[in-house]
Full PDB file with SEQRES, HELIX, SHEET, SSBOND, CRYST1, ORIGX, SCALE, CONECT and MASTER records, all heavy atoms in Angstrom:
SEQRES   1 A   31  VAL ALA LEU SER HIS ALA VAL MET VAL ALA LEU MET SER          
SEQRES   2 A   31  MET THR PRO VAL HIS LEU THR GLY HIS GLY ALA SER LEU          
SEQRES   3 A   31  GLY LEU VAL GLY LEU                                          
HELIX    1 AA1 ALA A    2  GLY A   21  1                                  20    
HELIX    2 AA2 LEU A   26  GLY A   30  1                                   5    
CRYST1    1.000    1.000    1.000  90.00  90.00  90.00 P 1           1          
ORIGX1      1.000000  0.000000  0.000000        0.00000                         
ORIGX2      0.000000  1.000000  0.000000        0.00000                         
ORIGX3      0.000000  0.000000  1.000000        0.00000                         
SCALE1      1.000000  0.000000  0.000000        0.00000                         
SCALE2      0.000000  1.000000  0.000000        0.00000                         
SCALE3      0.000000  0.000000  1.000000        0.00000                         
ATOM      1  N   VAL A   1     126.778  86.618  95.718  1.00  0.00           N  
ATOM      2  CA  VAL A   1     126.348  86.655  97.116  1.00  0.00           C  
ATOM      3  C   VAL A   1     125.938  88.063  97.517  1.00  0.00           C  
ATOM      4  O   VAL A   1     124.894  88.274  98.158  1.00  0.00           O  
ATOM      5  CB  VAL A   1     127.473  86.126  98.031  1.00  0.00           C  
ATOM      6  CG1 VAL A   1     127.091  86.297  99.496  1.00  0.00           C  
ATOM      7  CG2 VAL A   1     127.756  84.650  97.736  1.00  0.00           C  
ATOM      8  N   ALA A   2     126.733  89.071  97.154  1.00  0.00           N  
ATOM      9  CA  ALA A   2     126.474  90.447  97.582  1.00  0.00           C  
ATOM     10  C   ALA A   2     125.187  90.997  96.971  1.00  0.00           C  
ATOM     11  O   ALA A   2     124.352  91.583  97.678  1.00  0.00           O  
ATOM     12  CB  ALA A   2     127.656  91.334  97.209  1.00  0.00           C  
ATOM     13  N   LEU A   3     125.014  90.826  95.655  1.00  0.00           N  
ATOM     14  CA  LEU A   3     123.823  91.368  95.002  1.00  0.00           C  
ATOM     15  C   LEU A   3     122.556  90.646  95.459  1.00  0.00           C  
ATOM     16  O   LEU A   3     121.498  91.277  95.629  1.00  0.00           O  
ATOM     17  CB  LEU A   3     123.971  91.273  93.479  1.00  0.00           C  
ATOM     18  CG  LEU A   3     125.050  92.164  92.861  1.00  0.00           C  
ATOM     19  CD1 LEU A   3     125.140  91.930  91.358  1.00  0.00           C  
ATOM     20  CD2 LEU A   3     124.773  93.634  93.150  1.00  0.00           C  
ATOM     21  N   SER A   4     122.651  89.347  95.674  1.00  0.00           N  
ATOM     22  CA  SER A   4     121.487  88.593  96.169  1.00  0.00           C  
ATOM     23  C   SER A   4     121.098  89.083  97.565  1.00  0.00           C  
ATOM     24  O   SER A   4     119.910  89.220  97.876  1.00  0.00           O  
ATOM     25  CB  SER A   4     121.805  87.099  96.200  1.00  0.00           C  
ATOM     26  OG  SER A   4     122.052  86.598  94.905  1.00  0.00           O  
ATOM     27  N   HIS A   5     122.096  89.353  98.399  1.00  0.00           N  
ATOM     28  CA  HIS A   5     121.816  89.856  99.743  1.00  0.00           C  
ATOM     29  C   HIS A   5     121.182  91.244  99.680  1.00  0.00           C  
ATOM     30  O   HIS A   5     120.262  91.552 100.447  1.00  0.00           O  
ATOM     31  CB  HIS A   5     123.108  89.900 100.548  1.00  0.00           C  
ATOM     32  CG  HIS A   5     122.899  90.077 102.019  1.00  0.00           C  
ATOM     33  ND1 HIS A   5     122.160  89.204 102.792  1.00  0.00           N  
ATOM     34  CD2 HIS A   5     123.324  91.057 102.880  1.00  0.00           C  
ATOM     35  CE1 HIS A   5     122.151  89.618 104.048  1.00  0.00           C  
ATOM     36  NE2 HIS A   5     122.839  90.745 104.117  1.00  0.00           N  
ATOM     37  N   ALA A   6     121.652  92.080  98.768  1.00  0.00           N  
ATOM     38  CA  ALA A   6     121.090  93.427  98.627  1.00  0.00           C  
ATOM     39  C   ALA A   6     119.612  93.364  98.231  1.00  0.00           C  
ATOM     40  O   ALA A   6     118.786  94.119  98.760  1.00  0.00           O  
ATOM     41  CB  ALA A   6     121.883  94.218  97.586  1.00  0.00           C  
ATOM     42  N   VAL A   7     119.272  92.474  97.309  1.00  0.00           N  
ATOM     43  CA  VAL A   7     117.875  92.317  96.891  1.00  0.00           C  
ATOM     44  C   VAL A   7     117.008  91.903  98.082  1.00  0.00           C  
ATOM     45  O   VAL A   7     115.940  92.480  98.330  1.00  0.00           O  
ATOM     46  CB  VAL A   7     117.763  91.272  95.761  1.00  0.00           C  
ATOM     47  CG1 VAL A   7     116.296  90.919  95.486  1.00  0.00           C  
ATOM     48  CG2 VAL A   7     118.409  91.798  94.493  1.00  0.00           C  
ATOM     49  N   MET A   8     117.495  90.918  98.828  1.00  0.00           N  
ATOM     50  CA  MET A   8     116.714  90.419  99.963  1.00  0.00           C  
ATOM     51  C   MET A   8     116.502  91.503 101.008  1.00  0.00           C  
ATOM     52  O   MET A   8     115.376  91.750 101.449  1.00  0.00           O  
ATOM     53  CB  MET A   8     117.416  89.211 100.578  1.00  0.00           C  
ATOM     54  CG  MET A   8     116.615  88.501 101.671  1.00  0.00           C  
ATOM     55  SD  MET A   8     116.731  89.266 103.312  1.00  0.00           S  
ATOM     56  CE  MET A   8     118.445  88.924 103.714  1.00  0.00           C  
ATOM     57  N   VAL A   9     117.570  92.182 101.416  1.00  0.00           N  
ATOM     58  CA  VAL A   9     117.462  93.179 102.477  1.00  0.00           C  
ATOM     59  C   VAL A   9     116.583  94.347 102.039  1.00  0.00           C  
ATOM     60  O   VAL A   9     115.760  94.843 102.816  1.00  0.00           O  
ATOM     61  CB  VAL A   9     118.860  93.677 102.900  1.00  0.00           C  
ATOM     62  CG1 VAL A   9     118.750  94.858 103.866  1.00  0.00           C  
ATOM     63  CG2 VAL A   9     119.645  92.552 103.549  1.00  0.00           C  
ATOM     64  N   ALA A  10     116.746  94.802 100.807  1.00  0.00           N  
ATOM     65  CA  ALA A  10     115.994  95.957 100.333  1.00  0.00           C  
ATOM     66  C   ALA A  10     114.488  95.717 100.393  1.00  0.00           C  
ATOM     67  O   ALA A  10     113.735  96.554 100.901  1.00  0.00           O  
ATOM     68  CB  ALA A  10     116.425  96.312  98.909  1.00  0.00           C  
ATOM     69  N   LEU A  11     114.033  94.580  99.881  1.00  0.00           N  
ATOM     70  CA  LEU A  11     112.591  94.322  99.871  1.00  0.00           C  
ATOM     71  C   LEU A  11     112.092  93.955 101.266  1.00  0.00           C  
ATOM     72  O   LEU A  11     111.037  94.436 101.699  1.00  0.00           O  
ATOM     73  CB  LEU A  11     112.263  93.199  98.888  1.00  0.00           C  
ATOM     74  CG  LEU A  11     110.753  93.023  98.612  1.00  0.00           C  
ATOM     75  CD1 LEU A  11     110.216  94.236  97.872  1.00  0.00           C  
ATOM     76  CD2 LEU A  11     110.484  91.761  97.800  1.00  0.00           C  
ATOM     77  N   MET A  12     112.843  93.129 101.974  1.00  0.00           N  
ATOM     78  CA  MET A  12     112.405  92.693 103.298  1.00  0.00           C  
ATOM     79  C   MET A  12     112.291  93.870 104.270  1.00  0.00           C  
ATOM     80  O   MET A  12     111.323  93.981 105.017  1.00  0.00           O  
ATOM     81  CB  MET A  12     113.376  91.650 103.841  1.00  0.00           C  
ATOM     82  CG  MET A  12     113.038  91.102 105.229  1.00  0.00           C  
ATOM     83  SD  MET A  12     113.716  92.083 106.590  1.00  0.00           S  
ATOM     84  CE  MET A  12     115.469  91.828 106.354  1.00  0.00           C  
ATOM     85  N   SER A  13     113.266  94.771 104.256  1.00  0.00           N  
ATOM     86  CA  SER A  13     113.267  95.861 105.226  1.00  0.00           C  
ATOM     87  C   SER A  13     112.134  96.847 105.001  1.00  0.00           C  
ATOM     88  O   SER A  13     111.695  97.515 105.939  1.00  0.00           O  
ATOM     89  CB  SER A  13     114.612  96.593 105.177  1.00  0.00           C  
ATOM     90  OG  SER A  13     114.834  97.174 103.902  1.00  0.00           O  
ATOM     91  N   MET A  14     111.655  96.955 103.778  1.00  0.00           N  
ATOM     92  CA  MET A  14     110.568  97.892 103.487  1.00  0.00           C  
ATOM     93  C   MET A  14     109.183  97.264 103.588  1.00  0.00           C  
ATOM     94  O   MET A  14     108.181  97.973 103.569  1.00  0.00           O  
ATOM     95  CB  MET A  14     110.748  98.479 102.076  1.00  0.00           C  
ATOM     96  CG  MET A  14     111.939  99.415 101.956  1.00  0.00           C  
ATOM     97  SD  MET A  14     111.841 100.858 103.054  1.00  0.00           S  
ATOM     98  CE  MET A  14     113.031 100.387 104.332  1.00  0.00           C  
ATOM     99  N   THR A  15     109.117  95.938 103.687  1.00  0.00           N  
ATOM    100  CA  THR A  15     107.807  95.279 103.747  1.00  0.00           C  
ATOM    101  C   THR A  15     107.003  95.675 104.981  1.00  0.00           C  
ATOM    102  O   THR A  15     105.798  95.979 104.857  1.00  0.00           O  
ATOM    103  CB  THR A  15     107.983  93.750 103.681  1.00  0.00           C  
ATOM    104  OG1 THR A  15     108.588  93.405 102.427  1.00  0.00           O  
ATOM    105  CG2 THR A  15     106.630  93.043 103.792  1.00  0.00           C  
ATOM    106  N   PRO A  16     107.572  95.696 106.192  1.00  0.00           N  
ATOM    107  CA  PRO A  16     106.768  96.142 107.347  1.00  0.00           C  
ATOM    108  C   PRO A  16     106.239  97.569 107.186  1.00  0.00           C  
ATOM    109  O   PRO A  16     105.092  97.858 107.557  1.00  0.00           O  
ATOM    110  CB  PRO A  16     107.771  96.056 108.513  1.00  0.00           C  
ATOM    111  CG  PRO A  16     108.761  95.034 108.089  1.00  0.00           C  
ATOM    112  CD  PRO A  16     108.911  95.236 106.619  1.00  0.00           C  
ATOM    113  N   VAL A  17     107.057  98.465 106.625  1.00  0.00           N  
ATOM    114  CA  VAL A  17     106.624  99.848 106.407  1.00  0.00           C  
ATOM    115  C   VAL A  17     105.459  99.877 105.431  1.00  0.00           C  
ATOM    116  O   VAL A  17     104.453 100.568 105.649  1.00  0.00           O  
ATOM    117  CB  VAL A  17     107.804 100.693 105.875  1.00  0.00           C  
ATOM    118  CG1 VAL A  17     107.354 102.128 105.589  1.00  0.00           C  
ATOM    119  CG2 VAL A  17     108.957 100.684 106.868  1.00  0.00           C  
ATOM    120  N   HIS A  18     105.585  99.113 104.355  1.00  0.00           N  
ATOM    121  CA  HIS A  18     104.522  99.073 103.349  1.00  0.00           C  
ATOM    122  C   HIS A  18     103.227  98.484 103.907  1.00  0.00           C  
ATOM    123  O   HIS A  18     102.141  99.050 103.716  1.00  0.00           O  
ATOM    124  CB  HIS A  18     104.990  98.248 102.148  1.00  0.00           C  
ATOM    125  CG  HIS A  18     103.900  97.916 101.179  1.00  0.00           C  
ATOM    126  ND1 HIS A  18     103.308  98.851 100.354  1.00  0.00           N  
ATOM    127  CD2 HIS A  18     103.269  96.727 100.917  1.00  0.00           C  
ATOM    128  CE1 HIS A  18     102.373  98.268  99.624  1.00  0.00           C  
ATOM    129  NE2 HIS A  18     102.340  96.981  99.944  1.00  0.00           N  
ATOM    130  N   LEU A  19     103.336  97.370 104.615  1.00  0.00           N  
ATOM    131  CA  LEU A  19     102.136  96.701 105.122  1.00  0.00           C  
ATOM    132  C   LEU A  19     101.416  97.556 106.165  1.00  0.00           C  
ATOM    133  O   LEU A  19     100.188  97.692 106.117  1.00  0.00           O  
ATOM    134  CB  LEU A  19     102.506  95.337 105.711  1.00  0.00           C  
ATOM    135  CG  LEU A  19     102.908  94.253 104.699  1.00  0.00           C  
ATOM    136  CD1 LEU A  19     103.344  92.985 105.424  1.00  0.00           C  
ATOM    137  CD2 LEU A  19     101.766  93.945 103.743  1.00  0.00           C  
ATOM    138  N   THR A  20     102.155  98.104 107.119  1.00  0.00           N  
ATOM    139  CA  THR A  20     101.503  98.930 108.149  1.00  0.00           C  
ATOM    140  C   THR A  20     100.911 100.192 107.532  1.00  0.00           C  
ATOM    141  O   THR A  20      99.871 100.685 107.988  1.00  0.00           O  
ATOM    142  CB  THR A  20     102.494  99.313 109.260  1.00  0.00           C  
ATOM    143  OG1 THR A  20     103.656  99.928 108.679  1.00  0.00           O  
ATOM    144  CG2 THR A  20     102.926  98.078 110.037  1.00  0.00           C  
ATOM    145  N   GLY A  21     101.560 100.709 106.488  1.00  0.00           N  
ATOM    146  CA  GLY A  21     101.024 101.879 105.807  1.00  0.00           C  
ATOM    147  C   GLY A  21      99.722 101.593 105.090  1.00  0.00           C  
ATOM    148  O   GLY A  21      98.957 102.520 104.783  1.00  0.00           O  
ATOM    149  N   HIS A  22      99.453 100.322 104.808  1.00  0.00           N  
ATOM    150  CA  HIS A  22      98.204  99.920 104.158  1.00  0.00           C  
ATOM    151  C   HIS A  22      97.242  99.252 105.143  1.00  0.00           C  
ATOM    152  O   HIS A  22      96.338  98.506 104.731  1.00  0.00           O  
ATOM    153  CB  HIS A  22      98.491  98.994 102.985  1.00  0.00           C  
ATOM    154  CG  HIS A  22      99.013  99.709 101.777  1.00  0.00           C  
ATOM    155  ND1 HIS A  22     100.287 100.237 101.729  1.00  0.00           N  
ATOM    156  CD2 HIS A  22      98.436 100.012 100.572  1.00  0.00           C  
ATOM    157  CE1 HIS A  22     100.475 100.817 100.550  1.00  0.00           C  
ATOM    158  NE2 HIS A  22      99.372 100.700  99.836  1.00  0.00           N  
ATOM    159  N   GLY A  23      97.452  99.499 106.438  1.00  0.00           N  
ATOM    160  CA  GLY A  23      96.481  99.062 107.444  1.00  0.00           C  
ATOM    161  C   GLY A  23      96.664  97.665 107.978  1.00  0.00           C  
ATOM    162  O   GLY A  23      95.812  97.171 108.725  1.00  0.00           O  
ATOM    163  N   ALA A  24      97.755  96.992 107.640  1.00  0.00           N  
ATOM    164  CA  ALA A  24      97.970  95.634 108.155  1.00  0.00           C  
ATOM    165  C   ALA A  24      98.298  95.685 109.641  1.00  0.00           C  
ATOM    166  O   ALA A  24      98.928  96.626 110.131  1.00  0.00           O  
ATOM    167  CB  ALA A  24      99.104  94.956 107.400  1.00  0.00           C  
ATOM    168  N   SER A  25      97.853  94.661 110.372  1.00  0.00           N  
ATOM    169  CA  SER A  25      98.123  94.600 111.807  1.00  0.00           C  
ATOM    170  C   SER A  25      99.569  94.192 112.054  1.00  0.00           C  
ATOM    171  O   SER A  25     100.236  93.618 111.181  1.00  0.00           O  
ATOM    172  CB  SER A  25      97.200  93.576 112.468  1.00  0.00           C  
ATOM    173  OG  SER A  25      97.506  92.266 112.013  1.00  0.00           O  
ATOM    174  N   LEU A  26     100.049  94.491 113.251  1.00  0.00           N  
ATOM    175  CA  LEU A  26     101.402  94.082 113.609  1.00  0.00           C  
ATOM    176  C   LEU A  26     101.533  92.563 113.619  1.00  0.00           C  
ATOM    177  O   LEU A  26     102.597  92.021 113.321  1.00  0.00           O  
ATOM    178  CB  LEU A  26     101.778  94.646 114.982  1.00  0.00           C  
ATOM    179  CG  LEU A  26     101.962  96.168 115.057  1.00  0.00           C  
ATOM    180  CD1 LEU A  26     102.283  96.587 116.478  1.00  0.00           C  
ATOM    181  CD2 LEU A  26     103.061  96.621 114.097  1.00  0.00           C  
ATOM    182  N   GLY A  27     100.424  91.883 113.949  1.00  0.00           N  
ATOM    183  CA  GLY A  27     100.444  90.421 113.925  1.00  0.00           C  
ATOM    184  C   GLY A  27     100.710  89.896 112.527  1.00  0.00           C  
ATOM    185  O   GLY A  27     101.486  88.949 112.352  1.00  0.00           O  
ATOM    186  N   LEU A  28     100.060  90.497 111.527  1.00  0.00           N  
ATOM    187  CA  LEU A  28     100.269  90.068 110.144  1.00  0.00           C  
ATOM    188  C   LEU A  28     101.688  90.392 109.690  1.00  0.00           C  
ATOM    189  O   LEU A  28     102.328  89.584 108.993  1.00  0.00           O  
ATOM    190  CB  LEU A  28      99.259  90.753 109.225  1.00  0.00           C  
ATOM    191  CG  LEU A  28      99.390  90.422 107.731  1.00  0.00           C  
ATOM    192  CD1 LEU A  28      99.256  88.930 107.484  1.00  0.00           C  
ATOM    193  CD2 LEU A  28      98.356  91.200 106.914  1.00  0.00           C  
ATOM    194  N   VAL A  29     102.182  91.547 110.097  1.00  0.00           N  
ATOM    195  CA  VAL A  29     103.559  91.912 109.747  1.00  0.00           C  
ATOM    196  C   VAL A  29     104.535  90.897 110.345  1.00  0.00           C  
ATOM    197  O   VAL A  29     105.452  90.408 109.668  1.00  0.00           O  
ATOM    198  CB  VAL A  29     103.891  93.333 110.242  1.00  0.00           C  
ATOM    199  CG1 VAL A  29     105.375  93.632 110.044  1.00  0.00           C  
ATOM    200  CG2 VAL A  29     103.042  94.360 109.521  1.00  0.00           C  
ATOM    201  N   GLY A  30     104.327  90.562 111.616  1.00  0.00           N  
ATOM    202  CA  GLY A  30     105.197  89.594 112.276  1.00  0.00           C  
ATOM    203  C   GLY A  30     105.144  88.230 111.612  1.00  0.00           C  
ATOM    204  O   GLY A  30     106.181  87.573 111.433  1.00  0.00           O  
ATOM    205  N   LEU A  31     103.941  87.792 111.235  1.00  0.00           N  
ATOM    206  CA  LEU A  31     103.792  86.502 110.562  1.00  0.00           C  
ATOM    207  C   LEU A  31     104.505  86.511 109.215  1.00  0.00           C  
ATOM    208  O   LEU A  31     105.179  85.531 108.849  1.00  0.00           O  
ATOM    209  CB  LEU A  31     102.308  86.195 110.367  1.00  0.00           C  
ATOM    210  CG  LEU A  31     101.985  84.913 109.586  1.00  0.00           C  
ATOM    211  CD1 LEU A  31     102.529  83.690 110.313  1.00  0.00           C  
ATOM    212  CD2 LEU A  31     100.474  84.784 109.369  1.00  0.00           C  
TER     213      LEU A  31                                                      
MASTER        0    0    0    2    0    0    0    6  212    1    0    3          
END                                                                             
């Protein structure tokens, strides 16, 4: 449970930063 949660949080939390850094709109990030 713990390691699976760590994988999910690590990638999910950095996805908005990555997408906006590559020009994605906030709408796409939200979707």
